Amino acid sequence: QAQLVESGGGLVQAGDSLRLSCAASYRTFSRHAVGWFRQAPAKEREFVAAMRWDGSSLYYADSVKGRFTISRDNAKNTVYLQMNNLKPEDAAVYYCAAGAMDPFDGSNSYKIKTKYTYWGQGTQVTVSS
């Protein structure tokens, strides 16, 4: 059964960095787009970052551009989210997601939750001010 497992969350101070990891357990992961979403209490789950299956395009929410970086290591079936200069408003449960995208899908498609088939259980990120 396909599975995504996130790790790397924790409690940090504003300005600190964290790197989240998401390990996939199915074989076609390397051909799937990957994304990170987050959900703060009483808020909708929102898009954070995404990457095409081949790494040719990266997409970021405006709120994290210049601070967060998504990457993947297909040899390890793992996707990462490097988060620098964390702010209190970044606090949330972070979820990784993966799925097949149409080759003609544009950037907006990568921001849509229903485009992703596989989801992790989430990892908590808390940022103190």
Protein backbone atom coordinates (compact mmCIF):
# COMPACT_ATOMS: atom_id res chain seq x y z
CA GLN A 1 0.00 0.00 0.00
CA ALA A 2 1.36 3.38 -1.01
CA GLN A 3 2.39 5.49 1.93
CA LEU A 4 3.96 8.87 2.65
CA VAL A 5 5.55 9.54 6.02
CA GLU A 6 6.63 13.01 7.08
CA SER A 7 9.25 13.83 9.69
CA GLY A 8 11.33 16.76 10.88
CA GLY A 9 8.73 18.96 12.51
CA GLY A 10 9.25 20.52 15.89
CA LEU A 11 9.30 23.66 18.02
CA VAL A 12 11.59 26.45 16.89
CA GLN A 13 11.99 30.16 17.45
CA ALA A 14 11.21 32.81 14.87
CA GLY A 15 14.12 33.13 12.46
CA ASP A 16 15.20 29.50 12.85
CA SER A 17 15.25 26.82 10.17
CA LEU A 18 13.77 23.35 9.84
CA ARG A 19 13.95 20.70 7.16
CA LEU A 20 10.96 18.46 6.69
CA SER A 21 11.27 15.09 5.01
CA CYS A 22 8.67 12.90 3.39
CA ALA A 23 9.52 9.29 2.59
CA ALA A 24 7.43 7.44 0.03
CA SER A 25 6.93 3.69 -0.01
CA TYR A 26 5.66 3.06 -3.54
CA ARG A 27 7.59 2.47 -6.73
CA THR A 28 6.08 5.08 -9.04
CA PHE A 29 6.87 7.96 -6.68
CA SER A 30 9.72 9.15 -8.88
CA ARG A 31 7.24 9.79 -11.70
CA HIS A 32 4.79 11.72 -9.55
CA ALA A 33 4.54 15.38 -8.75
CA VAL A 34 5.07 16.22 -5.10
CA GLY A 35 3.68 18.97 -2.97
CA TRP A 36 3.66 20.36 0.54
CA PHE A 37 0.55 21.79 2.17
CA ARG A 38 -0.08 23.10 5.65
CA GLN A 39 -3.03 23.54 7.93
CA ALA A 40 -3.19 25.84 10.92
CA PRO A 41 -5.92 25.47 13.58
CA ALA A 42 -9.34 26.56 12.34
CA LYS A 43 -7.97 27.23 8.85
CA GLU A 44 -8.19 25.50 5.51
CA ARG A 45 -5.32 23.36 4.32
CA GLU A 46 -3.26 25.57 2.05
CA PHE A 47 -0.67 25.09 -0.63
CA VAL A 48 2.97 25.71 0.28
CA ALA A 49 5.22 24.31 -2.44
CA ALA A 50 5.25 21.77 -5.26
CA MET A 51 7.54 20.23 -7.82
CA ARG A 52 6.99 18.49 -11.14
CA TRP A 53 7.95 14.84 -11.26
CA ASP A 54 11.19 15.60 -13.09
CA GLY A 55 12.07 18.67 -11.03
CA SER A 56 11.82 20.93 -14.05
CA SER A 57 9.45 23.36 -12.35
CA LEU A 58 9.02 24.46 -8.77
CA TYR A 59 6.03 26.30 -7.39
CA TYR A 60 5.68 28.26 -4.17
CA ALA A 61 3.03 30.13 -2.29
CA ASP A 62 3.78 33.84 -2.16
CA SER A 63 4.01 33.70 1.62
CA VAL A 64 7.02 31.35 1.53
CA LYS A 65 8.88 32.43 -1.60
CA GLY A 66 12.51 33.14 -0.86
CA ARG A 67 12.37 31.31 2.48
CA PHE A 68 11.27 27.74 1.65
CA THR A 69 12.80 25.32 -0.84
CA ILE A 70 11.30 22.07 -2.08
CA SER A 71 13.57 19.32 -3.35
CA ARG A 72 13.50 15.60 -3.94
CA ASP A 73 15.87 12.66 -3.99
CA ASN A 74 14.32 9.96 -6.14
CA ALA A 75 17.07 7.51 -5.25
CA LYS A 76 15.78 7.73 -1.69
CA ASN A 77 12.10 8.15 -2.63
CA THR A 78 12.09 11.25 -0.48
CA VAL A 79 10.94 14.86 -0.84
CA TYR A 80 12.18 17.67 1.38
CA LEU A 81 11.03 21.09 2.43
CA GLN A 82 13.79 23.35 3.70
CA MET A 83 12.25 26.16 5.72
CA ASN A 84 14.39 29.15 6.62
CA ASN A 85 13.63 32.32 8.54
CA LEU A 86 10.53 30.78 10.04
CA LYS A 87 7.78 33.09 11.24
CA PRO A 88 5.03 32.50 13.80
CA GLU A 89 2.50 32.48 10.96
CA ASP A 90 4.27 29.44 9.48
CA ALA A 91 3.12 27.33 12.42
CA ALA A 92 0.87 24.53 11.21
CA VAL A 93 0.68 20.84 10.52
CA TYR A 94 2.61 20.22 7.31
CA TYR A 95 1.51 17.52 4.90
CA CYS A 96 3.29 16.10 1.90
CA ALA A 97 1.36 14.87 -1.08
CA ALA A 98 2.12 13.07 -4.32
CA GLY A 99 0.29 12.21 -7.49
CA ALA A 100 0.32 12.00 -11.24
CA MET A 101 -0.18 15.26 -13.09
CA ASP A 102 -1.07 15.76 -16.71
CA PRO A 103 2.02 16.93 -18.61
CA PHE A 104 0.05 19.99 -19.69
CA ASP A 105 -1.06 20.94 -16.20
CA GLY A 106 -0.02 24.47 -15.35
CA SER A 107 1.18 25.90 -12.09
CA ASN A 108 -2.32 26.35 -10.69
CA SER A 109 -2.98 22.62 -10.88
CA TYR A 110 -0.16 21.94 -8.46
CA LYS A 111 -1.90 24.10 -5.85
CA ILE A 112 -5.09 22.02 -5.89
CA LYS A 113 -5.37 19.43 -3.13
CA THR A 114 -7.60 17.09 -5.12
CA LYS A 115 -4.92 16.71 -7.78
CA TYR A 116 -2.87 14.67 -5.34
CA THR A 117 -3.60 11.00 -4.72
CA TYR A 118 -1.33 10.20 -1.81
CA TRP A 119 -1.03 12.08 1.48
CA GLY A 120 1.09 11.79 4.57
CA GLN A 121 -0.20 11.99 8.13
CA GLY A 122 1.37 15.39 8.78
CA THR A 123 4.10 16.77 11.00
CA GLN A 124 3.65 19.66 13.43
CA VAL A 125 5.70 22.82 13.10
CA THR A 126 5.48 25.31 15.94
CA VAL A 127 7.21 28.69 15.79
CA SER A 128 7.55 30.83 18.88
CA SER A 129 7.99 34.58 18.62
